[in-house]
Amino acid sequence: MSTIVERPERGAAEAARREAAALGRAWTGRNEPLGSILERVGTVDQVGVEERVDSLRKRSIKRESKLWALDLAIRMMDLTTLEGKDTEGKVRALCAKGMRPDPSDPSIPTVAAICIYPSLIPVAKAALRGSGVKVASVATGFPSGQTFLDVKLAETREAVEAGADEIDMVIDRGAFLEGDYAAVFEEIVAVKSACGNAHLKVILETGELETYDNVRRASILAMAAGADFIKTSTGKVTPAATLPVTLVMLEAIRDFHRRTGRAVGMKPAGGIRNAKDAIAYLVVLYETLGPRWMTPDLFRFGASTLLNDVLMQIRKERSGRYQGGDYFTID
């Protein structure tokens, strides 16, 4: 029995290593160790990144485009609760909210996914049955990632067996900051193998990576190891998602796609609380990666409080009147 389980994981790991080797050849023109490849991914122009974000943030959008963007933001949302006090009742309410964000308006779309802790997957799976809304679960010792690899892999496998469609893992930031890129790479490869058919989002926890160069380097590392999405943050560290960090990660995705042909998704998470900010992220996304990435298959918002503000803005754009949060259910 163990041989049958291990062979696919070894095959997946070997495939990921071959992909990293191919990335290295594309990036440097020759075979090099992983560490050398990552040192050659290029430095980030901090001033240039922040100036571009400031420019894009000021972009004016017409009413029709704004309504389209707000609708898209809802369809891209991973509606999230990750608190120690989460209950089955809270998760059922969140699922109901995700399926019908505004019960009085059937034109409002469903969210992309409900993101929860692993123990609550069966509750969410039952509540969402037939809706098309996915179940995303954090795993691998979220949010710190400071536990044993076999525990991380066991948690991932059990989350998938319980019904998770997507796994949000955290990288070992300590190993990364010490320059042990191989350890981080191998851990992502192993978790990807444990995911089976579930999609893997790799959380970089950019607030702990210290520099834009490190964010770019970690992005390339995660994509080479097989991430389906790269994600900014757990939401438990300040700063969480920011537009400049997101731009750095989007540019890494763009460069990775140009050199390997593999399209990887992006998920900013943590601190995105209002519709204005969500639209700014979509503008940066469009201007960096183009229309192909303007889909929930390749971009998500991780959020717990964003949805109601988006609903209020939609109501305002349609009616001309601004309504408060009391008109909508609590997220």
C-alpha atoms as a PDB file:
ATOM      1  CA  MET A   1       0.000   0.000   0.000  1.00  0.00           C
ATOM      2  CA  SER A   2       2.760   2.482   0.918  1.00  0.00           C
ATOM      3  CA  THR A   3       4.545   1.845  -2.389  1.00  0.00           C
ATOM      4  CA  ILE A   4       1.415   2.803  -4.331  1.00  0.00           C
ATOM      5  CA  VAL A   5       1.110   6.080  -2.375  1.00  0.00           C
ATOM      6  CA  GLU A   6       4.781   7.008  -2.576  1.00  0.00           C
ATOM      7  CA  ARG A   7       5.347   6.541  -6.296  1.00  0.00           C
ATOM      8  CA  PRO A   8       3.059   9.405  -7.443  1.00  0.00           C
ATOM      9  CA  GLU A   9       4.635  11.698  -4.851  1.00  0.00           C
ATOM     10  CA  ARG A  10       8.139  10.822  -6.037  1.00  0.00           C
ATOM     11  CA  GLY A  11       7.003  11.394  -9.612  1.00  0.00           C
ATOM     12  CA  ALA A  12       5.505  14.764  -8.742  1.00  0.00           C
ATOM     13  CA  ALA A  13       8.645  15.761  -6.875  1.00  0.00           C
ATOM     14  CA  GLU A  14      10.842  14.780  -9.798  1.00  0.00           C
ATOM     15  CA  ALA A  15       8.607  16.698 -12.209  1.00  0.00           C
ATOM     16  CA  ALA A  16       8.893  19.784 -10.013  1.00  0.00           C
ATOM     17  CA  ARG A  17      12.664  19.469  -9.902  1.00  0.00           C
ATOM     18  CA  ARG A  18      12.800  19.189 -13.696  1.00  0.00           C
ATOM     19  CA  GLU A  19      10.643  22.308 -13.955  1.00  0.00           C
ATOM     20  CA  ALA A  20      12.998  24.204 -11.640  1.00  0.00           C
ATOM     21  CA  ALA A  21      15.952  23.068 -13.735  1.00  0.00           C
ATOM     22  CA  ALA A  22      14.192  24.246 -16.890  1.00  0.00           C
ATOM     23  CA  LEU A  23      13.475  27.582 -15.218  1.00  0.00           C
ATOM     24  CA  GLY A  24      17.135  27.907 -14.308  1.00  0.00           C
ATOM     25  CA  ARG A  25      18.238  27.249 -17.870  1.00  0.00           C
ATOM     26  CA  ALA A  26      15.717  29.784 -19.173  1.00  0.00           C
ATOM     27  CA  TRP A  27      16.810  32.382 -16.641  1.00  0.00           C
ATOM     28  CA  THR A  28      20.562  32.002 -16.828  1.00  0.00           C
ATOM     29  CA  GLY A  29      21.211  30.068 -20.031  1.00  0.00           C
ATOM     30  CA  ARG A  30      22.956  27.217 -18.173  1.00  0.00           C
ATOM     31  CA  ASN A  31      22.449  24.613 -15.461  1.00  0.00           C
ATOM     32  CA  GLU A  32      23.019  25.963 -11.962  1.00  0.00           C
ATOM     33  CA  PRO A  33      22.066  25.042  -8.381  1.00  0.00           C
ATOM     34  CA  LEU A  34      18.750  26.400  -7.081  1.00  0.00           C
ATOM     35  CA  GLY A  35      20.463  28.955  -4.841  1.00  0.00           C
ATOM     36  CA  SER A  36      22.439  30.392  -7.743  1.00  0.00           C
ATOM     37  CA  ILE A  37      19.311  30.581  -9.881  1.00  0.00           C
ATOM     38  CA  LEU A  38      17.448  32.532  -7.219  1.00  0.00           C
ATOM     39  CA  GLU A  39      20.328  34.922  -6.720  1.00  0.00           C
ATOM     40  CA  ARG A  40      20.049  35.721 -10.440  1.00  0.00           C
ATOM     41  CA  VAL A  41      16.335  36.536 -10.556  1.00  0.00           C
ATOM     42  CA  GLY A  42      17.178  40.234 -10.564  1.00  0.00           C
ATOM     43  CA  THR A  43      16.795  43.049  -8.082  1.00  0.00           C
ATOM     44  CA  VAL A  44      13.651  45.107  -7.658  1.00  0.00           C
ATOM     45  CA  ASP A  45      13.647  48.856  -8.257  1.00  0.00           C
ATOM     46  CA  GLN A  46      11.878  49.932  -5.061  1.00  0.00           C
ATOM     47  CA  VAL A  47      11.353  53.524  -6.165  1.00  0.00           C
ATOM     48  CA  GLY A  48      10.101  52.399  -9.577  1.00  0.00           C
ATOM     49  CA  VAL A  49       7.624  49.927  -8.072  1.00  0.00           C
ATOM     50  CA  GLU A  50       6.173  52.438  -5.645  1.00  0.00           C
ATOM     51  CA  GLU A  51       5.934  55.200  -8.267  1.00  0.00           C
ATOM     52  CA  ARG A  52       4.121  52.865 -10.684  1.00  0.00           C
ATOM     53  CA  VAL A  53       1.661  51.836  -7.983  1.00  0.00           C
ATOM     54  CA  ASP A  54       0.980  55.491  -7.115  1.00  0.00           C
ATOM     55  CA  SER A  55       0.318  56.214 -10.778  1.00  0.00           C
ATOM     56  CA  LEU A  56      -2.015  53.258 -11.288  1.00  0.00           C
ATOM     57  CA  ARG A  57      -3.865  53.986  -8.053  1.00  0.00           C
ATOM     58  CA  LYS A  58      -4.935  57.357  -9.485  1.00  0.00           C
ATOM     59  CA  ARG A  59      -6.405  55.817 -12.636  1.00  0.00           C
ATOM     60  CA  SER A  60      -9.993  57.027 -13.142  1.00  0.00           C
ATOM     61  CA  ILE A  61     -12.632  54.438 -14.035  1.00  0.00           C
ATOM     62  CA  LYS A  62     -15.999  55.017 -15.691  1.00  0.00           C
ATOM     63  CA  ARG A  63     -19.193  53.895 -13.981  1.00  0.00           C
ATOM     64  CA  GLU A  64     -19.769  50.878 -16.253  1.00  0.00           C
ATOM     65  CA  SER A  65     -16.200  49.684 -15.763  1.00  0.00           C
ATOM     66  CA  LYS A  66     -16.470  50.213 -12.009  1.00  0.00           C
ATOM     67  CA  LEU A  67     -19.607  48.073 -11.786  1.00  0.00           C
ATOM     68  CA  TRP A  68     -17.896  45.362 -13.825  1.00  0.00           C
ATOM     69  CA  ALA A  69     -14.848  45.511 -11.539  1.00  0.00           C
ATOM     70  CA  LEU A  70     -16.966  45.311  -8.390  1.00  0.00           C
ATOM     71  CA  ASP A  71     -18.826  42.277  -9.747  1.00  0.00           C
ATOM     72  CA  LEU A  72     -15.490  40.662 -10.636  1.00  0.00           C
ATOM     73  CA  ALA A  73     -14.077  41.404  -7.185  1.00  0.00           C
ATOM     74  CA  ILE A  74     -16.908  39.408  -5.601  1.00  0.00           C
ATOM     75  CA  ARG A  75     -16.375  36.487  -7.984  1.00  0.00           C
ATOM     76  CA  MET A  76     -12.662  36.547  -7.096  1.00  0.00           C
ATOM     77  CA  MET A  77     -13.165  36.615  -3.333  1.00  0.00           C
ATOM     78  CA  ASP A  78     -12.032  33.919  -0.897  1.00  0.00           C
ATOM     79  CA  LEU A  79     -14.418  34.813   1.940  1.00  0.00           C
ATOM     80  CA  THR A  80     -12.391  33.975   5.020  1.00  0.00           C
ATOM     81  CA  THR A  81     -12.691  33.236   8.716  1.00  0.00           C
ATOM     82  CA  LEU A  82      -9.544  32.054  10.490  1.00  0.00           C
ATOM     83  CA  GLU A  83     -10.123  32.685  14.182  1.00  0.00           C
ATOM     84  CA  GLY A  84      -9.675  30.469  17.207  1.00  0.00           C
ATOM     85  CA  LYS A  85     -13.313  31.168  18.116  1.00  0.00           C
ATOM     86  CA  ASP A  86     -14.730  29.949  14.783  1.00  0.00           C
ATOM     87  CA  THR A  87     -17.798  27.748  15.240  1.00  0.00           C
ATOM     88  CA  GLU A  88     -19.842  25.533  12.946  1.00  0.00           C
ATOM     89  CA  GLY A  89     -22.621  28.103  13.054  1.00  0.00           C
ATOM     90  CA  LYS A  90     -20.294  30.902  11.997  1.00  0.00           C
ATOM     91  CA  VAL A  91     -18.995  28.836   9.079  1.00  0.00           C
ATOM     92  CA  ARG A  92     -22.539  27.971   7.929  1.00  0.00           C
ATOM     93  CA  ALA A  93     -23.439  31.667   8.044  1.00  0.00           C
ATOM     94  CA  LEU A  94     -20.310  32.540   6.076  1.00  0.00           C
ATOM     95  CA  CYS A  95     -21.178  29.913   3.464  1.00  0.00           C
ATOM     96  CA  ALA A  96     -24.696  31.342   3.145  1.00  0.00           C
ATOM     97  CA  LYS A  97     -23.158  34.779   2.703  1.00  0.00           C
ATOM     98  CA  GLY A  98     -20.780  33.475   0.045  1.00  0.00           C
ATOM     99  CA  MET A  99     -23.553  31.827  -1.939  1.00  0.00           C
ATOM    100  CA  ARG A 100     -25.976  34.786  -1.691  1.00  0.00           C
ATOM    101  CA  PRO A 101     -23.963  37.901  -0.780  1.00  0.00           C
ATOM    102  CA  ASP A 102     -27.079  40.082  -1.090  1.00  0.00           C
ATOM    103  CA  PRO A 103     -30.258  37.993  -0.685  1.00  0.00           C
ATOM    104  CA  SER A 104     -32.327  40.898  -2.004  1.00  0.00           C
ATOM    105  CA  ASP A 105     -30.389  41.010  -5.285  1.00  0.00           C
ATOM    106  CA  PRO A 106     -30.062  37.736  -7.242  1.00  0.00           C
ATOM    107  CA  SER A 107     -27.813  39.422  -9.820  1.00  0.00           C
ATOM    108  CA  ILE A 108     -24.939  39.526  -7.296  1.00  0.00           C
ATOM    109  CA  PRO A 109     -22.588  36.582  -8.018  1.00  0.00           C
ATOM    110  CA  THR A 110     -21.270  34.009  -5.575  1.00  0.00           C
ATOM    111  CA  VAL A 111     -17.784  34.320  -4.154  1.00  0.00           C
ATOM    112  CA  ALA A 112     -15.002  32.033  -5.404  1.00  0.00           C
ATOM    113  CA  ALA A 113     -14.354  30.133  -2.178  1.00  0.00           C
ATOM    114  CA  ILE A 114     -14.831  29.954   1.558  1.00  0.00           C
ATOM    115  CA  CYS A 115     -11.475  29.774   3.384  1.00  0.00           C
ATOM    116  CA  ILE A 116     -11.445  28.094   6.799  1.00  0.00           C
ATOM    117  CA  TYR A 117      -9.457  25.908   9.177  1.00  0.00           C
ATOM    118  CA  PRO A 118      -9.218  22.180   8.313  1.00  0.00           C
ATOM    119  CA  SER A 119     -11.478  20.917  11.114  1.00  0.00           C
ATOM    120  CA  LEU A 120     -14.410  22.875   9.669  1.00  0.00           C
ATOM    121  CA  ILE A 121     -14.123  21.575   6.097  1.00  0.00           C
ATOM    122  CA  PRO A 122     -16.993  19.041   6.430  1.00  0.00           C
ATOM    123  CA  VAL A 123     -19.311  21.787   7.705  1.00  0.00           C
ATOM    124  CA  ALA A 124     -18.470  24.078   4.793  1.00  0.00           C
ATOM    125  CA  LYS A 125     -18.611  21.260   2.255  1.00  0.00           C
ATOM    126  CA  ALA A 126     -22.138  20.335   3.331  1.00  0.00           C
ATOM    127  CA  ALA A 127     -23.323  23.956   3.432  1.00  0.00           C
ATOM    128  CA  LEU A 128     -21.934  24.721  -0.045  1.00  0.00           C
ATOM    129  CA  ARG A 129     -23.113  21.533  -1.773  1.00  0.00           C
ATOM    130  CA  GLY A 130     -24.260  22.240  -5.332  1.00  0.00           C
ATOM    131  CA  SER A 131     -23.341  25.944  -5.213  1.00  0.00           C
ATOM    132  CA  GLY A 132     -20.074  25.893  -7.162  1.00  0.00           C
ATOM    133  CA  VAL A 133     -18.346  27.781  -4.331  1.00  0.00           C
ATOM    134  CA  LYS A 134     -15.074  26.055  -3.486  1.00  0.00           C
ATOM    135  CA  VAL A 135     -13.752  25.093  -0.077  1.00  0.00           C
ATOM    136  CA  ALA A 136     -10.255  26.396   0.657  1.00  0.00           C
ATOM    137  CA  SER A 137      -8.407  25.286   3.766  1.00  0.00           C
ATOM    138  CA  VAL A 138      -5.235  26.578   5.376  1.00  0.00           C
ATOM    139  CA  ALA A 139      -2.730  23.892   6.292  1.00  0.00           C
ATOM    140  CA  THR A 140       0.944  23.186   7.109  1.00  0.00           C
ATOM    141  CA  GLY A 141       0.889  24.656  10.594  1.00  0.00           C
ATOM    142  CA  PHE A 142      -0.827  27.926   9.611  1.00  0.00           C
ATOM    143  CA  PRO A 143       0.031  30.710  10.300  1.00  0.00           C
ATOM    144  CA  SER A 144       3.618  30.212  11.535  1.00  0.00           C
ATOM    145  CA  GLY A 145       4.483  26.993   9.704  1.00  0.00           C
ATOM    146  CA  GLN A 146       6.688  26.083  12.660  1.00  0.00           C
ATOM    147  CA  THR A 147       6.014  22.383  12.936  1.00  0.00           C
ATOM    148  CA  PHE A 148       7.357  19.078  11.610  1.00  0.00           C
ATOM    149  CA  LEU A 149       7.168  18.296   7.900  1.00  0.00           C
ATOM    150  CA  ASP A 150       5.322  15.027   8.474  1.00  0.00           C
ATOM    151  CA  VAL A 151       2.683  16.944  10.467  1.00  0.00           C
ATOM    152  CA  LYS A 152       2.332  19.464   7.621  1.00  0.00           C
ATOM    153  CA  LEU A 153       1.905  16.695   5.063  1.00  0.00           C
ATOM    154  CA  ALA A 154      -0.557  14.776   7.231  1.00  0.00           C
ATOM    155  CA  GLU A 155      -2.643  17.916   7.763  1.00  0.00           C
ATOM    156  CA  THR A 156      -2.640  18.597   4.020  1.00  0.00           C
ATOM    157  CA  ARG A 157      -3.710  15.042   3.141  1.00  0.00           C
ATOM    158  CA  GLU A 158      -6.467  15.031   5.763  1.00  0.00           C
ATOM    159  CA  ALA A 159      -7.769  18.409   4.551  1.00  0.00           C
ATOM    160  CA  VAL A 160      -7.990  17.103   0.995  1.00  0.00           C
ATOM    161  CA  GLU A 161      -9.638  13.882   2.139  1.00  0.00           C
ATOM    162  CA  ALA A 162     -12.183  15.950   4.087  1.00  0.00           C
ATOM    163  CA  GLY A 163     -13.134  17.725   0.858  1.00  0.00           C
ATOM    164  CA  ALA A 164     -10.896  20.771   0.450  1.00  0.00           C
ATOM    165  CA  ASP A 165     -10.686  21.937  -3.172  1.00  0.00           C
ATOM    166  CA  GLU A 166      -7.768  24.254  -2.424  1.00  0.00           C
ATOM    167  CA  ILE A 167      -4.957  24.263   0.129  1.00  0.00           C
ATOM    168  CA  ASP A 168      -3.300  27.463   1.376  1.00  0.00           C
ATOM    169  CA  MET A 169       0.128  26.555   2.786  1.00  0.00           C
ATOM    170  CA  VAL A 170       2.746  28.745   4.454  1.00  0.00           C
ATOM    171  CA  ILE A 171       6.428  28.626   3.574  1.00  0.00           C
ATOM    172  CA  ASP A 172       9.192  28.234   6.144  1.00  0.00           C
ATOM    173  CA  ARG A 173      10.245  31.884   6.354  1.00  0.00           C
ATOM    174  CA  GLY A 174      13.061  31.090   8.748  1.00  0.00           C
ATOM    175  CA  ALA A 175      14.677  28.675   6.299  1.00  0.00           C
ATOM    176  CA  PHE A 176      14.185  31.131   3.450  1.00  0.00           C
ATOM    177  CA  LEU A 177      15.771  34.047   5.302  1.00  0.00           C
ATOM    178  CA  GLU A 178      18.723  31.822   6.236  1.00  0.00           C
ATOM    179  CA  GLY A 179      19.245  31.133   2.533  1.00  0.00           C
ATOM    180  CA  ASP A 180      18.190  27.478   2.746  1.00  0.00           C
ATOM    181  CA  TYR A 181      16.211  27.700  -0.476  1.00  0.00           C
ATOM    182  CA  ALA A 182      16.455  23.968  -1.128  1.00  0.00           C
ATOM    183  CA  ALA A 183      14.591  23.191   2.114  1.00  0.00           C
ATOM    184  CA  VAL A 184      11.794  25.609   1.228  1.00  0.00           C
ATOM    185  CA  PHE A 185      11.616  24.240  -2.313  1.00  0.00           C
ATOM    186  CA  GLU A 186      11.485  20.602  -1.206  1.00  0.00           C
ATOM    187  CA  GLU A 187       8.782  21.343   1.351  1.00  0.00           C
ATOM    188  CA  ILE A 188       6.561  23.010  -1.259  1.00  0.00           C
ATOM    189  CA  VAL A 189       7.147  20.083  -3.625  1.00  0.00           C
ATOM    190  CA  ALA A 190       6.131  17.633  -0.883  1.00  0.00           C
ATOM    191  CA  VAL A 191       2.988  19.587   0.023  1.00  0.00           C
ATOM    192  CA  LYS A 192       2.041  19.892  -3.648  1.00  0.00           C
ATOM    193  CA  SER A 193       2.308  16.113  -3.944  1.00  0.00           C
ATOM    194  CA  ALA A 194       0.139  15.680  -0.832  1.00  0.00           C
ATOM    195  CA  CYS A 195      -2.516  17.947  -2.370  1.00  0.00           C
ATOM    196  CA  GLY A 196      -3.413  15.451  -5.068  1.00  0.00           C
ATOM    197  CA  ASN A 197      -5.979  17.155  -7.305  1.00  0.00           C
ATOM    198  CA  ALA A 198      -6.484  20.117  -4.957  1.00  0.00           C
ATOM    199  CA  HIS A 199      -4.948  23.425  -6.008  1.00  0.00           C
ATOM    200  CA  LEU A 200      -2.060  24.742  -3.932  1.00  0.00           C
ATOM    201  CA  LYS A 201      -1.727  28.381  -2.888  1.00  0.00           C
ATOM    202  CA  VAL A 202       1.675  29.149  -1.360  1.00  0.00           C
ATOM    203  CA  ILE A 203       1.673  31.931   1.243  1.00  0.00           C
ATOM    204  CA  LEU A 204       4.949  33.863   1.305  1.00  0.00           C
ATOM    205  CA  GLU A 205       4.074  36.008   4.369  1.00  0.00           C
ATOM    206  CA  THR A 206       5.640  39.011   2.666  1.00  0.00           C
ATOM    207  CA  GLY A 207       5.509  41.111   5.839  1.00  0.00           C
ATOM    208  CA  GLU A 208       8.279  38.897   7.229  1.00  0.00           C
ATOM    209  CA  LEU A 209      10.445  38.729   4.084  1.00  0.00           C
ATOM    210  CA  GLU A 210      11.893  42.219   4.718  1.00  0.00           C
ATOM    211  CA  THR A 211      12.719  43.299   1.130  1.00  0.00           C
ATOM    212  CA  TYR A 212      11.139  43.408  -2.322  1.00  0.00           C
ATOM    213  CA  ASP A 213      14.095  41.377  -3.590  1.00  0.00           C
ATOM    214  CA  ASN A 214      13.201  38.608  -1.152  1.00  0.00           C
ATOM    215  CA  VAL A 215       9.546  38.762  -2.216  1.00  0.00           C
ATOM    216  CA  ARG A 216      10.532  38.339  -5.858  1.00  0.00           C
ATOM    217  CA  ARG A 217      12.952  35.528  -5.015  1.00  0.00           C
ATOM    218  CA  ALA A 218      10.364  33.683  -2.889  1.00  0.00           C
ATOM    219  CA  SER A 219       7.761  34.087  -5.636  1.00  0.00           C
ATOM    220  CA  ILE A 220      10.022  32.457  -8.223  1.00  0.00           C
ATOM    221  CA  LEU A 221      10.940  29.689  -5.778  1.00  0.00           C
ATOM    222  CA  ALA A 222       7.302  28.870  -5.004  1.00  0.00           C
ATOM    223  CA  MET A 223       6.287  28.839  -8.671  1.00  0.00           C
ATOM    224  CA  ALA A 224       9.212  26.624  -9.626  1.00  0.00           C
ATOM    225  CA  ALA A 225       8.211  24.191  -6.866  1.00  0.00           C
ATOM    226  CA  GLY A 226       4.709  23.828  -8.307  1.00  0.00           C
ATOM    227  CA  ALA A 227       2.486  26.474  -6.702  1.00  0.00           C
ATOM    228  CA  ASP A 228      -0.802  27.004  -8.532  1.00  0.00           C
ATOM    229  CA  PHE A 229      -1.124  30.393  -6.792  1.00  0.00           C
ATOM    230  CA  ILE A 230       1.259  32.560  -4.823  1.00  0.00           C
ATOM    231  CA  LYS A 231      -0.283  34.494  -1.933  1.00  0.00           C
ATOM    232  CA  THR A 232       0.969  37.504  -0.019  1.00  0.00           C
ATOM    233  CA  SER A 233      -0.016  36.870   3.564  1.00  0.00           C
ATOM    234  CA  THR A 234      -1.738  34.925   6.293  1.00  0.00           C
ATOM    235  CA  GLY A 235      -3.497  38.072   7.479  1.00  0.00           C
ATOM    236  CA  LYS A 236      -1.899  37.518  10.896  1.00  0.00           C
ATOM    237  CA  VAL A 237       1.213  39.662  10.289  1.00  0.00           C
ATOM    238  CA  THR A 238       1.508  43.414   9.673  1.00  0.00           C
ATOM    239  CA  PRO A 239       1.998  44.551   6.996  1.00  0.00           C
ATOM    240  CA  ALA A 240      -0.117  42.060   5.073  1.00  0.00           C
ATOM    241  CA  ALA A 241      -1.060  42.659   1.437  1.00  0.00           C
ATOM    242  CA  THR A 242       0.131  45.936  -0.106  1.00  0.00           C
ATOM    243  CA  LEU A 243      -0.088  47.147  -3.675  1.00  0.00           C
ATOM    244  CA  PRO A 244       3.709  47.476  -4.129  1.00  0.00           C
ATOM    245  CA  VAL A 245       4.323  43.914  -2.878  1.00  0.00           C
ATOM    246  CA  THR A 246       1.506  42.659  -5.088  1.00  0.00           C
ATOM    247  CA  LEU A 247       3.061  44.389  -8.098  1.00  0.00           C
ATOM    248  CA  VAL A 248       6.415  42.724  -7.358  1.00  0.00           C
ATOM    249  CA  MET A 249       4.696  39.327  -7.222  1.00  0.00           C
ATOM    250  CA  LEU A 250       2.668  39.977 -10.377  1.00  0.00           C
ATOM    251  CA  GLU A 251       5.833  40.932 -12.256  1.00  0.00           C
ATOM    252  CA  ALA A 252       7.443  37.692 -11.046  1.00  0.00           C
ATOM    253  CA  ILE A 253       4.418  35.775 -12.371  1.00  0.00           C
ATOM    254  CA  ARG A 254       4.710  37.626 -15.686  1.00  0.00           C
ATOM    255  CA  ASP A 255       8.413  36.810 -16.024  1.00  0.00           C
ATOM    256  CA  PHE A 256       7.884  33.198 -14.956  1.00  0.00           C
ATOM    257  CA  HIS A 257       5.140  32.778 -17.552  1.00  0.00           C
ATOM    258  CA  ARG A 258       7.239  34.316 -20.316  1.00  0.00           C
ATOM    259  CA  ARG A 259      10.127  31.959 -19.620  1.00  0.00           C
ATOM    260  CA  THR A 260       8.268  28.743 -18.819  1.00  0.00           C
ATOM    261  CA  GLY A 261       4.824  29.084 -20.402  1.00  0.00           C
ATOM    262  CA  ARG A 262       3.172  28.220 -17.056  1.00  0.00           C
ATOM    263  CA  ALA A 263       0.416  30.544 -15.821  1.00  0.00           C
ATOM    264  CA  VAL A 264       0.351  30.923 -12.024  1.00  0.00           C
ATOM    265  CA  GLY A 265      -2.357  32.695 -10.034  1.00  0.00           C
ATOM    266  CA  MET A 266      -2.043  35.446  -7.435  1.00  0.00           C
ATOM    267  CA  LYS A 267      -3.858  36.057  -4.137  1.00  0.00           C
ATOM    268  CA  PRO A 268      -3.326  39.233  -2.108  1.00  0.00           C
ATOM    269  CA  ALA A 269      -4.735  38.678   1.387  1.00  0.00           C
ATOM    270  CA  GLY A 270      -4.984  40.664   4.579  1.00  0.00           C
ATOM    271  CA  GLY A 271      -5.893  44.318   4.991  1.00  0.00           C
ATOM    272  CA  ILE A 272      -7.990  44.723   1.806  1.00  0.00           C
ATOM    273  CA  ARG A 273     -11.147  46.151   3.333  1.00  0.00           C
ATOM    274  CA  ASN A 274     -12.833  48.478   0.842  1.00  0.00           C
ATOM    275  CA  ALA A 275     -13.998  48.506  -2.750  1.00  0.00           C
ATOM    276  CA  LYS A 276     -11.669  51.334  -3.747  1.00  0.00           C
ATOM    277  CA  ASP A 277      -8.638  49.267  -2.764  1.00  0.00           C
ATOM    278  CA  ALA A 278      -9.994  46.179  -4.533  1.00  0.00           C
ATOM    279  CA  ILE A 279     -10.401  48.126  -7.768  1.00  0.00           C
ATOM    280  CA  ALA A 280      -6.855  49.459  -7.439  1.00  0.00           C
ATOM    281  CA  TYR A 281      -5.591  45.863  -7.201  1.00  0.00           C
ATOM    282  CA  LEU A 282      -7.548  44.943 -10.333  1.00  0.00           C
ATOM    283  CA  VAL A 283      -6.058  47.908 -12.216  1.00  0.00           C
ATOM    284  CA  VAL A 284      -2.532  46.815 -11.241  1.00  0.00           C
ATOM    285  CA  LEU A 285      -3.395  43.239 -12.247  1.00  0.00           C
ATOM    286  CA  TYR A 286      -4.705  44.269 -15.673  1.00  0.00           C
ATOM    287  CA  GLU A 287      -1.822  46.606 -16.426  1.00  0.00           C
ATOM    288  CA  THR A 288       0.769  43.984 -15.403  1.00  0.00           C
ATOM    289  CA  LEU A 289      -0.647  40.670 -16.647  1.00  0.00           C
ATOM    290  CA  GLY A 290      -3.467  41.645 -18.993  1.00  0.00           C
ATOM    291  CA  PRO A 291      -6.973  40.261 -19.523  1.00  0.00           C
ATOM    292  CA  ARG A 292      -6.025  36.583 -19.247  1.00  0.00           C
ATOM    293  CA  TRP A 293      -5.526  36.959 -15.492  1.00  0.00           C
ATOM    294  CA  MET A 294      -8.835  38.790 -14.931  1.00  0.00           C
ATOM    295  CA  THR A 295     -10.566  35.630 -13.739  1.00  0.00           C
ATOM    296  CA  PRO A 296     -11.072  33.811 -10.416  1.00  0.00           C
ATOM    297  CA  ASP A 297      -9.033  30.965 -11.889  1.00  0.00           C
ATOM    298  CA  LEU A 298      -5.922  33.168 -11.734  1.00  0.00           C
ATOM    299  CA  PHE A 299      -6.627  35.906  -9.189  1.00  0.00           C
ATOM    300  CA  ARG A 300      -8.264  35.923  -5.767  1.00  0.00           C
ATOM    301  CA  PHE A 301      -8.780  38.318  -2.894  1.00  0.00           C
ATOM    302  CA  GLY A 302      -8.369  36.876   0.591  1.00  0.00           C
ATOM    303  CA  ALA A 303     -10.773  38.912   2.698  1.00  0.00           C
ATOM    304  CA  SER A 304     -13.102  38.840   5.679  1.00  0.00           C
ATOM    305  CA  THR A 305     -14.578  42.357   5.628  1.00  0.00           C
ATOM    306  CA  LEU A 306     -14.261  43.456   1.990  1.00  0.00           C
ATOM    307  CA  LEU A 307     -17.523  41.984   0.709  1.00  0.00           C
ATOM    308  CA  ASN A 308     -19.954  44.331   2.453  1.00  0.00           C
ATOM    309  CA  ASP A 309     -18.155  47.443   1.240  1.00  0.00           C
ATOM    310  CA  VAL A 310     -18.238  46.120  -2.339  1.00  0.00           C
ATOM    311  CA  LEU A 311     -21.983  45.451  -1.971  1.00  0.00           C
ATOM    312  CA  MET A 312     -22.535  48.988  -0.664  1.00  0.00           C
ATOM    313  CA  GLN A 313     -20.621  50.453  -3.599  1.00  0.00           C
ATOM    314  CA  ILE A 314     -22.638  48.410  -6.100  1.00  0.00           C
ATOM    315  CA  ARG A 315     -25.861  49.640  -4.495  1.00  0.00           C
ATOM    316  CA  LYS A 316     -24.577  53.221  -4.620  1.00  0.00           C
ATOM    317  CA  GLU A 317     -23.546  53.013  -8.286  1.00  0.00           C
ATOM    318  CA  ARG A 318     -26.910  51.563  -9.267  1.00  0.00           C
ATOM    319  CA  SER A 319     -29.186  53.750  -7.160  1.00  0.00           C
ATOM    320  CA  GLY A 320     -27.140  56.874  -6.593  1.00  0.00           C
ATOM    321  CA  ARG A 321     -27.643  56.473  -2.835  1.00  0.00           C
ATOM    322  CA  TYR A 322     -25.050  55.244  -0.356  1.00  0.00           C
ATOM    323  CA  GLN A 323     -26.285  52.743   2.234  1.00  0.00           C
ATOM    324  CA  GLY A 324     -24.530  51.624   5.384  1.00  0.00           C
ATOM    325  CA  GLY A 325     -23.385  48.183   6.391  1.00  0.00           C
ATOM    326  CA  ASP A 326     -26.561  47.617   8.427  1.00  0.00           C
ATOM    327  CA  TYR A 327     -28.331  46.809   5.157  1.00  0.00           C
ATOM    328  CA  PHE A 328     -26.208  43.683   4.726  1.00  0.00           C
ATOM    329  CA  THR A 329     -25.500  40.640   6.837  1.00  0.00           C
ATOM    330  CA  ILE A 330     -22.317  40.643   8.895  1.00  0.00           C
ATOM    331  CA  ASP A 331     -19.458  38.741   7.232  1.00  0.00           C
END
